[in-house]
């Protein structure tokens, strides 16, 4: 998966198209992500000891990871994600994620 927790993403398709939010949780086994403020669903809850009133609550539901794109931190537009190879002083190779649009490093 190209997205990680705490990435800011934009929804590119579906009923929440155009909305931006932070990724709260990633489900790699089902290729889904939970995005803050996106794909809101209503849940009817019955009264319990903890929730005396019950009622209707709103919560986010996971959406497919292919329906979101990472937002470039520099231009605030959606972008593709690439990798840059870094060689350390000991010769160990590691990769960092970069924005294809501006070349900025993604946190």
Protein backbone atom coordinates (compact mmCIF):
# COMPACT_ATOMS: atom_id res chain seq x y z
CA UNK A 1 0.00 0.00 0.00
CA UNK A 2 1.22 3.49 -0.83
CA UNK A 3 -0.60 5.18 2.05
CA UNK A 4 0.21 5.11 5.75
CA UNK A 5 -1.41 6.20 8.99
CA UNK A 6 -1.47 10.00 9.50
CA UNK A 7 -1.14 10.73 5.75
CA UNK A 8 -3.45 13.45 4.48
CA UNK A 9 -5.41 12.04 1.55
CA UNK A 10 -8.12 13.15 -0.87
CA UNK A 11 -10.97 10.91 -1.98
CA UNK A 12 -10.99 10.63 -5.78
CA UNK A 13 -14.19 8.67 -6.34
CA UNK A 14 -17.45 7.83 -4.61
CA UNK A 15 -19.97 9.85 -2.64
CA UNK A 16 -17.25 11.59 -0.61
CA UNK A 17 -15.30 12.67 -3.72
CA UNK A 18 -13.14 15.76 -3.20
CA UNK A 19 -13.03 15.54 0.59
CA UNK A 20 -9.68 15.55 2.35
CA UNK A 21 -8.86 13.93 5.66
CA UNK A 22 -6.21 12.22 7.72
CA UNK A 23 -5.89 8.44 7.68
CA UNK A 24 -6.84 7.09 11.10
CA UNK A 25 -6.26 3.39 10.44
CA UNK A 26 -4.98 1.14 7.63
CA UNK A 27 -6.28 -2.36 6.94
CA UNK A 28 -3.66 -3.93 4.61
CA UNK A 29 -5.30 -7.38 4.61
CA UNK A 30 -8.47 -5.96 3.00
CA UNK A 31 -6.78 -3.00 1.22
CA UNK A 32 -8.97 -0.47 3.04
CA UNK A 33 -8.32 2.74 4.96
CA UNK A 34 -10.29 4.68 7.57
CA UNK A 35 -10.24 8.40 6.76
CA UNK A 36 -11.31 11.12 9.20
CA UNK A 37 -14.59 12.77 8.16
CA UNK A 38 -15.09 10.61 5.06
CA UNK A 39 -17.71 7.91 4.32
CA UNK A 40 -19.88 8.80 7.31
CA UNK A 41 -22.48 6.17 8.17
CA UNK A 42 -25.28 6.29 10.72
CA UNK A 43 -25.59 3.60 13.39
CA UNK A 44 -28.73 3.06 15.43
CA UNK A 45 -27.82 2.21 19.03
CA UNK A 46 -30.19 0.89 21.62
CA UNK A 47 -30.08 2.18 25.20
CA UNK A 48 -27.56 0.42 27.46
CA UNK A 49 -26.11 0.97 30.93
CA UNK A 50 -23.29 3.14 29.49
CA UNK A 51 -25.48 4.93 26.92
CA UNK A 52 -28.79 5.64 28.64
CA UNK A 53 -30.36 7.50 25.73
CA UNK A 54 -29.35 5.34 22.78
CA UNK A 55 -30.13 7.06 19.47
CA UNK A 56 -28.41 7.52 16.15
CA UNK A 57 -24.64 8.05 16.02
CA UNK A 58 -22.34 8.86 13.13
CA UNK A 59 -19.08 7.05 12.44
CA UNK A 60 -16.56 6.69 9.65
CA UNK A 61 -16.46 3.47 7.67
CA UNK A 62 -13.41 2.13 5.79
CA UNK A 63 -13.06 2.79 2.07
CA UNK A 64 -10.88 1.10 -0.51
CA UNK A 65 -7.31 2.39 -0.63
CA UNK A 66 -7.50 2.70 -4.42
CA UNK A 67 -10.12 5.44 -3.98
CA UNK A 68 -7.75 7.85 -2.20
CA UNK A 69 -4.62 9.76 -3.21
CA UNK A 70 -2.01 11.34 -0.99
CA UNK A 71 -2.07 15.16 -0.79
CA UNK A 72 1.20 16.91 -1.60
CA UNK A 73 2.35 18.90 1.48
CA UNK A 74 3.84 21.69 -0.66
CA UNK A 75 1.08 22.35 -3.22
CA UNK A 76 -1.91 20.89 -1.32
CA UNK A 77 -2.93 18.98 -4.47
CA UNK A 78 -3.25 15.23 -4.83
CA UNK A 79 -0.17 13.40 -6.04
CA UNK A 80 1.30 10.00 -6.72
CA UNK A 81 3.83 8.47 -4.33
CA UNK A 82 7.35 7.47 -5.32
CA UNK A 83 10.43 6.14 -3.55
CA UNK A 84 13.92 7.59 -3.27
CA UNK A 85 16.86 5.41 -2.31
CA UNK A 86 19.14 6.67 0.45
CA UNK A 87 22.51 5.10 1.19
CA UNK A 88 23.76 5.57 4.73
CA UNK A 89 27.36 5.92 5.90
CA UNK A 90 27.50 2.19 6.65
CA UNK A 91 26.30 1.35 3.15
CA UNK A 92 22.84 0.34 4.31
CA UNK A 93 20.11 1.23 1.81
CA UNK A 94 16.78 2.64 2.93
CA UNK A 95 13.92 4.26 1.07
CA UNK A 96 11.90 7.40 1.71
CA UNK A 97 8.52 8.22 0.22
CA UNK A 98 8.39 11.29 -2.00
CA UNK A 99 5.70 13.24 -3.81
CA UNK A 100 5.87 12.82 -7.59
CA UNK A 101 4.38 16.31 -8.08
CA UNK A 102 6.91 18.39 -6.12
CA UNK A 103 9.61 15.96 -4.98
CA UNK A 104 8.92 16.74 -1.32
CA UNK A 105 9.48 14.01 1.27
CA UNK A 106 6.25 12.62 2.72
CA UNK A 107 6.24 12.21 6.50
